[in-house]
Amino acid sequence: MIETEQKIIQIGSSEGITLSKKDLARIGAKRGDTLKVRVELVKKHSSHDKLLTEYASFVNKYGTTLKNLADK
């Protein structure tokens, strides 16, 4: 089984993905073979989403300490 993330690229007048020779060799596939493919869209996190996640983690870890400092 190959698990990889690929970008959709222009292939002639179509769009598609490619698989490396190394990955194909790993599963013993060659040109002309038929492959069963399962795809799902990978949602990229925006920098804003990442910031919110990091902020939530920070507050979870240090929230009580920050509140105690603010109350002094």
PDB file of N, CA and C in Angstrom:
ATOM      1  N   MET A   1       0.844  -1.180   0.000  1.00  0.00           N
ATOM      2  CA  MET A   1       0.000   0.000   0.000  1.00  0.00           C
ATOM      3  C   MET A   1       0.891   1.247   0.000  1.00  0.00           C
ATOM      4  N   ILE A   2       0.507   2.225  -0.749  1.00  0.00           N
ATOM      5  CA  ILE A   2       1.214   3.508  -0.793  1.00  0.00           C
ATOM      6  C   ILE A   2       0.325   4.541  -0.129  1.00  0.00           C
ATOM      7  N   GLU A   3       0.882   5.292   0.804  1.00  0.00           N
ATOM      8  CA  GLU A   3       0.165   6.429   1.364  1.00  0.00           C
ATOM      9  C   GLU A   3       1.035   7.652   1.144  1.00  0.00           C
ATOM     10  N   THR A   4       0.523   8.602   0.391  1.00  0.00           N
ATOM     11  CA  THR A   4       1.293   9.777   0.032  1.00  0.00           C
ATOM     12  C   THR A   4       0.362  10.959  -0.168  1.00  0.00           C
ATOM     13  N   GLU A   5       0.886  12.141  -0.062  1.00  0.00           N
ATOM     14  CA  GLU A   5       0.125  13.346  -0.386  1.00  0.00           C
ATOM     15  C   GLU A   5       0.692  13.913  -1.679  1.00  0.00           C
ATOM     16  N   GLN A   6      -0.172  14.182  -2.626  1.00  0.00           N
ATOM     17  CA  GLN A   6       0.234  14.704  -3.916  1.00  0.00           C
ATOM     18  C   GLN A   6      -0.623  15.900  -4.273  1.00  0.00           C
ATOM     19  N   LYS A   7      -0.041  16.845  -4.985  1.00  0.00           N
ATOM     20  CA  LYS A   7      -0.808  17.975  -5.510  1.00  0.00           C
ATOM     21  C   LYS A   7      -1.387  17.586  -6.859  1.00  0.00           C
ATOM     22  N   ILE A   8      -2.565  18.111  -7.171  1.00  0.00           N
ATOM     23  CA  ILE A   8      -3.151  17.905  -8.484  1.00  0.00           C
ATOM     24  C   ILE A   8      -2.388  18.789  -9.471  1.00  0.00           C
ATOM     25  N   ILE A   9      -1.949  18.185 -10.569  1.00  0.00           N
ATOM     26  CA  ILE A   9      -1.156  18.910 -11.569  1.00  0.00           C
ATOM     27  C   ILE A   9      -1.838  18.835 -12.929  1.00  0.00           C
ATOM     28  N   GLN A  10      -1.400  19.698 -13.836  1.00  0.00           N
ATOM     29  CA  GLN A  10      -1.892  19.699 -15.214  1.00  0.00           C
ATOM     30  C   GLN A  10      -1.171  18.588 -15.969  1.00  0.00           C
ATOM     31  N   ILE A  11      -1.930  17.713 -16.620  1.00  0.00           N
ATOM     32  CA  ILE A  11      -1.365  16.651 -17.458  1.00  0.00           C
ATOM     33  C   ILE A  11      -2.073  16.751 -18.802  1.00  0.00           C
ATOM     34  N   GLY A  12      -1.439  17.403 -19.767  1.00  0.00           N
ATOM     35  CA  GLY A  12      -2.090  17.667 -21.052  1.00  0.00           C
ATOM     36  C   GLY A  12      -3.272  18.587 -20.829  1.00  0.00           C
ATOM     37  N   SER A  13      -4.451  18.174 -21.304  1.00  0.00           N
ATOM     38  CA  SER A  13      -5.653  18.982 -21.091  1.00  0.00           C
ATOM     39  C   SER A  13      -6.438  18.499 -19.877  1.00  0.00           C
ATOM     40  N   SER A  14      -5.861  17.564 -19.128  1.00  0.00           N
ATOM     41  CA  SER A  14      -6.512  17.005 -17.933  1.00  0.00           C
ATOM     42  C   SER A  14      -5.747  17.419 -16.692  1.00  0.00           C
ATOM     43  N   GLU A  15      -6.249  17.003 -15.567  1.00  0.00           N
ATOM     44  CA  GLU A  15      -5.549  17.181 -14.296  1.00  0.00           C
ATOM     45  C   GLU A  15      -5.401  15.815 -13.657  1.00  0.00           C
ATOM     46  N   GLY A  16      -4.340  15.653 -12.870  1.00  0.00           N
ATOM     47  CA  GLY A  16      -4.129  14.353 -12.250  1.00  0.00           C
ATOM     48  C   GLY A  16      -3.041  14.410 -11.206  1.00  0.00           C
ATOM     49  N   ILE A  17      -2.689  13.230 -10.701  1.00  0.00           N
ATOM     50  CA  ILE A  17      -1.602  13.089  -9.743  1.00  0.00           C
ATOM     51  C   ILE A  17      -0.613  12.079 -10.305  1.00  0.00           C
ATOM     52  N   THR A  18       0.596  12.083  -9.781  1.00  0.00           N
ATOM     53  CA  THR A  18       1.608  11.131 -10.215  1.00  0.00           C
ATOM     54  C   THR A  18       2.059  10.302  -9.022  1.00  0.00           C
ATOM     55  N   LEU A  19       2.589   9.141  -9.322  1.00  0.00           N
ATOM     56  CA  LEU A  19       3.186   8.280  -8.301  1.00  0.00           C
ATOM     57  C   LEU A  19       4.638   8.049  -8.693  1.00  0.00           C
ATOM     58  N   SER A  20       5.523   8.070  -7.725  1.00  0.00           N
ATOM     59  CA  SER A  20       6.944   7.902  -8.025  1.00  0.00           C
ATOM     60  C   SER A  20       7.249   6.454  -8.401  1.00  0.00           C
ATOM     61  N   LYS A  21       8.319   6.279  -9.187  1.00  0.00           N
ATOM     62  CA  LYS A  21       8.763   4.924  -9.547  1.00  0.00           C
ATOM     63  C   LYS A  21       9.094   4.119  -8.292  1.00  0.00           C
ATOM     64  N   LYS A  22       9.668   4.810  -7.306  1.00  0.00           N
ATOM     65  CA  LYS A  22      10.046   4.146  -6.058  1.00  0.00           C
ATOM     66  C   LYS A  22       8.810   3.574  -5.355  1.00  0.00           C
ATOM     67  N   ASP A  23       7.732   4.381  -5.272  1.00  0.00           N
ATOM     68  CA  ASP A  23       6.502   3.906  -4.630  1.00  0.00           C
ATOM     69  C   ASP A  23       5.877   2.759  -5.413  1.00  0.00           C
ATOM     70  N   LEU A  24       5.857   2.885  -6.736  1.00  0.00           N
ATOM     71  CA  LEU A  24       5.287   1.814  -7.559  1.00  0.00           C
ATOM     72  C   LEU A  24       6.090   0.524  -7.425  1.00  0.00           C
ATOM     73  N   ALA A  25       7.419   0.650  -7.387  1.00  0.00           N
ATOM     74  CA  ALA A  25       8.271  -0.530  -7.230  1.00  0.00           C
ATOM     75  C   ALA A  25       8.028  -1.196  -5.879  1.00  0.00           C
ATOM     76  N   ARG A  26       7.768  -0.385  -4.877  1.00  0.00           N
ATOM     77  CA  ARG A  26       7.524  -0.911  -3.531  1.00  0.00           C
ATOM     78  C   ARG A  26       6.334  -1.864  -3.495  1.00  0.00           C
ATOM     79  N   ILE A  27       5.323  -1.603  -4.323  1.00  0.00           N
ATOM     80  CA  ILE A  27       4.149  -2.488  -4.337  1.00  0.00           C
ATOM     81  C   ILE A  27       4.162  -3.433  -5.537  1.00  0.00           C
ATOM     82  N   GLY A  28       5.228  -3.353  -6.343  1.00  0.00           N
ATOM     83  CA  GLY A  28       5.367  -4.255  -7.478  1.00  0.00           C
ATOM     84  C   GLY A  28       4.490  -3.891  -8.662  1.00  0.00           C
ATOM     85  N   ALA A  29       4.111  -2.620  -8.803  1.00  0.00           N
ATOM     86  CA  ALA A  29       3.255  -2.184  -9.906  1.00  0.00           C
ATOM     87  C   ALA A  29       4.110  -1.623 -11.032  1.00  0.00           C
ATOM     88  N   LYS A  30       3.603  -1.748 -12.248  1.00  0.00           N
ATOM     89  CA  LYS A  30       4.315  -1.195 -13.398  1.00  0.00           C
ATOM     90  C   LYS A  30       3.310  -0.611 -14.372  1.00  0.00           C
ATOM     91  N   ARG A  31       3.801   0.137 -15.366  1.00  0.00           N
ATOM     92  CA  ARG A  31       2.942   0.764 -16.373  1.00  0.00           C
ATOM     93  C   ARG A  31       2.014  -0.285 -16.987  1.00  0.00           C
ATOM     94  N   GLY A  32       0.744   0.063 -17.076  1.00  0.00           N
ATOM     95  CA  GLY A  32      -0.252  -0.852 -17.641  1.00  0.00           C
ATOM     96  C   GLY A  32      -1.038  -1.610 -16.587  1.00  0.00           C
ATOM     97  N   ASP A  33      -0.492  -1.722 -15.371  1.00  0.00           N
ATOM     98  CA  ASP A  33      -1.226  -2.387 -14.291  1.00  0.00           C
ATOM     99  C   ASP A  33      -2.419  -1.533 -13.873  1.00  0.00           C
ATOM    100  N   THR A  34      -3.420  -2.160 -13.311  1.00  0.00           N
ATOM    101  CA  THR A  34      -4.580  -1.459 -12.785  1.00  0.00           C
ATOM    102  C   THR A  34      -4.431  -1.341 -11.275  1.00  0.00           C
ATOM    103  N   LEU A  35      -4.635  -0.127 -10.769  1.00  0.00           N
ATOM    104  CA  LEU A  35      -4.517   0.126  -9.335  1.00  0.00           C
ATOM    105  C   LEU A  35      -5.877   0.503  -8.773  1.00  0.00           C
ATOM    106  N   LYS A  36      -6.142   0.103  -7.553  1.00  0.00           N
ATOM    107  CA  LYS A  36      -7.314   0.559  -6.819  1.00  0.00           C
ATOM    108  C   LYS A  36      -6.877   1.793  -6.039  1.00  0.00           C
ATOM    109  N   VAL A  37      -7.578   2.906  -6.222  1.00  0.00           N
ATOM    110  CA  VAL A  37      -7.168   4.177  -5.631  1.00  0.00           C
ATOM    111  C   VAL A  37      -8.260   4.696  -4.720  1.00  0.00           C
ATOM    112  N   ARG A  38      -7.880   5.125  -3.541  1.00  0.00           N
ATOM    113  CA  ARG A  38      -8.799   5.777  -2.599  1.00  0.00           C
ATOM    114  C   ARG A  38      -8.249   7.173  -2.356  1.00  0.00           C
ATOM    115  N   VAL A  39      -9.076   8.188  -2.516  1.00  0.00           N
ATOM    116  CA  VAL A  39      -8.594   9.555  -2.352  1.00  0.00           C
ATOM    117  C   VAL A  39      -9.446  10.303  -1.338  1.00  0.00           C
ATOM    118  N   GLU A  40      -8.819  11.252  -0.680  1.00  0.00           N
ATOM    119  CA  GLU A  40      -9.528  12.177   0.195  1.00  0.00           C
ATOM    120  C   GLU A  40      -8.802  13.506   0.136  1.00  0.00           C
ATOM    121  N   LEU A  41      -9.551  14.579   0.262  1.00  0.00           N
ATOM    122  CA  LEU A  41      -8.977  15.915   0.209  1.00  0.00           C
ATOM    123  C   LEU A  41      -8.294  16.221   1.533  1.00  0.00           C
ATOM    124  N   VAL A  42      -7.055  16.666   1.460  1.00  0.00           N
ATOM    125  CA  VAL A  42      -6.313  17.052   2.655  1.00  0.00           C
ATOM    126  C   VAL A  42      -6.598  18.521   2.901  1.00  0.00           C
ATOM    127  N   LYS A  43      -7.194  18.807   4.030  1.00  0.00           N
ATOM    128  CA  LYS A  43      -7.493  20.195   4.379  1.00  0.00           C
ATOM    129  C   LYS A  43      -6.246  20.814   4.982  1.00  0.00           C
ATOM    130  N   LYS A  44      -5.766  21.840   4.339  1.00  0.00           N
ATOM    131  CA  LYS A  44      -4.610  22.573   4.856  1.00  0.00           C
ATOM    132  C   LYS A  44      -5.096  23.562   5.903  1.00  0.00           C
ATOM    133  N   HIS A  45      -4.385  23.631   7.002  1.00  0.00           N
ATOM    134  CA  HIS A  45      -4.732  24.594   8.047  1.00  0.00           C
ATOM    135  C   HIS A  45      -4.152  25.947   7.686  1.00  0.00           C
ATOM    136  N   SER A  46      -4.952  26.954   7.797  1.00  0.00           N
ATOM    137  CA  SER A  46      -4.444  28.308   7.551  1.00  0.00           C
ATOM    138  C   SER A  46      -3.581  28.721   8.735  1.00  0.00           C
ATOM    139  N   SER A  47      -2.800  29.764   8.558  1.00  0.00           N
ATOM    140  CA  SER A  47      -1.956  30.242   9.658  1.00  0.00           C
ATOM    141  C   SER A  47      -2.836  30.710  10.818  1.00  0.00           C
ATOM    142  N   HIS A  48      -4.041  31.216  10.519  1.00  0.00           N
ATOM    143  CA  HIS A  48      -4.966  31.640  11.573  1.00  0.00           C
ATOM    144  C   HIS A  48      -5.427  30.429  12.383  1.00  0.00           C
ATOM    145  N   ASP A  49      -5.761  29.326  11.711  1.00  0.00           N
ATOM    146  CA  ASP A  49      -6.164  28.106  12.416  1.00  0.00           C
ATOM    147  C   ASP A  49      -5.038  27.606  13.303  1.00  0.00           C
ATOM    148  N   LYS A  50      -3.808  27.648  12.781  1.00  0.00           N
ATOM    149  CA  LYS A  50      -2.655  27.195  13.556  1.00  0.00           C
ATOM    150  C   LYS A  50      -2.458  28.081  14.787  1.00  0.00           C
ATOM    151  N   LEU A  51      -2.593  29.381  14.604  1.00  0.00           N
ATOM    152  CA  LEU A  51      -2.447  30.310  15.722  1.00  0.00           C
ATOM    153  C   LEU A  51      -3.491  30.037  16.802  1.00  0.00           C
ATOM    154  N   LEU A  52      -4.739  29.822  16.404  1.00  0.00           N
ATOM    155  CA  LEU A  52      -5.793  29.537  17.374  1.00  0.00           C
ATOM    156  C   LEU A  52      -5.529  28.238  18.127  1.00  0.00           C
ATOM    157  N   THR A  53      -5.035  27.239  17.423  1.00  0.00           N
ATOM    158  CA  THR A  53      -4.705  25.958  18.062  1.00  0.00           C
ATOM    159  C   THR A  53      -3.577  26.139  19.076  1.00  0.00           C
ATOM    160  N   GLU A  54      -2.548  26.880  18.697  1.00  0.00           N
ATOM    161  CA  GLU A  54      -1.424  27.125  19.607  1.00  0.00           C
ATOM    162  C   GLU A  54      -1.867  27.957  20.808  1.00  0.00           C
ATOM    163  N   TYR A  55      -2.736  28.944  20.576  1.00  0.00           N
ATOM    164  CA  TYR A  55      -3.245  29.773  21.671  1.00  0.00           C
ATOM    165  C   TYR A  55      -4.042  28.922  22.654  1.00  0.00           C
ATOM    166  N   ALA A  56      -4.912  28.057  22.141  1.00  0.00           N
ATOM    167  CA  ALA A  56      -5.717  27.196  23.012  1.00  0.00           C
ATOM    168  C   ALA A  56      -4.820  26.284  23.842  1.00  0.00           C
ATOM    169  N   SER A  57      -3.765  25.766  23.230  1.00  0.00           N
ATOM    170  CA  SER A  57      -2.821  24.917  23.945  1.00  0.00           C
ATOM    171  C   SER A  57      -2.105  25.708  25.039  1.00  0.00           C
ATOM    172  N   PHE A  58      -1.692  26.941  24.719  1.00  0.00           N
ATOM    173  CA  PHE A  58      -1.005  27.805  25.681  1.00  0.00           C
ATOM    174  C   PHE A  58      -1.917  28.110  26.877  1.00  0.00           C
ATOM    175  N   VAL A  59      -3.171  28.494  26.587  1.00  0.00           N
ATOM    176  CA  VAL A  59      -4.122  28.821  27.659  1.00  0.00           C
ATOM    177  C   VAL A  59      -4.410  27.584  28.511  1.00  0.00           C
ATOM    178  N   ASN A  60      -4.530  26.441  27.862  1.00  0.00           N
ATOM    179  CA  ASN A  60      -4.771  25.203  28.597  1.00  0.00           C
ATOM    180  C   ASN A  60      -3.626  24.902  29.559  1.00  0.00           C
ATOM    181  N   LYS A  61      -2.406  25.154  29.097  1.00  0.00           N
ATOM    182  CA  LYS A  61      -1.230  24.850  29.918  1.00  0.00           C
ATOM    183  C   LYS A  61      -0.951  25.910  30.984  1.00  0.00           C
ATOM    184  N   TYR A  62      -1.094  27.196  30.637  1.00  0.00           N
ATOM    185  CA  TYR A  62      -0.682  28.277  31.533  1.00  0.00           C
ATOM    186  C   TYR A  62      -1.819  29.179  31.998  1.00  0.00           C
ATOM    187  N   GLY A  63      -3.056  28.853  31.674  1.00  0.00           N
ATOM    188  CA  GLY A  63      -4.187  29.707  32.006  1.00  0.00           C
ATOM    189  C   GLY A  63      -4.305  30.023  33.488  1.00  0.00           C
ATOM    190  N   THR A  64      -4.192  29.012  34.319  1.00  0.00           N
ATOM    191  CA  THR A  64      -4.311  29.207  35.771  1.00  0.00           C
ATOM    192  C   THR A  64      -3.189  30.105  36.286  1.00  0.00           C
ATOM    193  N   THR A  65      -1.985  29.865  35.820  1.00  0.00           N
ATOM    194  CA  THR A  65      -0.842  30.679  36.237  1.00  0.00           C
ATOM    195  C   THR A  65      -1.044  32.137  35.835  1.00  0.00           C
ATOM    196  N   LEU A  66      -1.485  32.355  34.602  1.00  0.00           N
ATOM    197  CA  LEU A  66      -1.719  33.727  34.134  1.00  0.00           C
ATOM    198  C   LEU A  66      -2.816  34.401  34.949  1.00  0.00           C
ATOM    199  N   LYS A  67      -3.870  33.651  35.284  1.00  0.00           N
ATOM    200  CA  LYS A  67      -4.959  34.229  36.089  1.00  0.00           C
ATOM    201  C   LYS A  67      -4.454  34.588  37.475  1.00  0.00           C
ATOM    202  N   ASN A  68      -3.656  33.708  38.074  1.00  0.00           N
ATOM    203  CA  ASN A  68      -3.105  33.991  39.394  1.00  0.00           C
ATOM    204  C   ASN A  68      -2.209  35.224  39.383  1.00  0.00           C
ATOM    205  N   LEU A  69      -1.417  35.394  38.348  1.00  0.00           N
ATOM    206  CA  LEU A  69      -0.572  36.578  38.229  1.00  0.00           C
ATOM    207  C   LEU A  69      -1.408  37.835  38.054  1.00  0.00           C
ATOM    208  N   ALA A  70      -2.468  37.744  37.288  1.00  0.00           N
ATOM    209  CA  ALA A  70      -3.338  38.907  37.050  1.00  0.00           C
ATOM    210  C   ALA A  70      -4.065  39.316  38.326  1.00  0.00           C
ATOM    211  N   ASP A  71      -4.384  38.350  39.185  1.00  0.00           N
ATOM    212  CA  ASP A  71      -5.130  38.632  40.426  1.00  0.00           C
ATOM    213  C   ASP A  71      -4.253  39.228  41.515  1.00  0.00           C
ATOM    214  N   LYS A  72      -2.934  39.227  41.370  1.00  0.00           N
ATOM    215  CA  LYS A  72      -2.051  39.758  42.418  1.00  0.00           C
ATOM    216  C   LYS A  72      -2.061  41.251  42.451  1.00  0.00           C
TER     217      LYS A  72
END
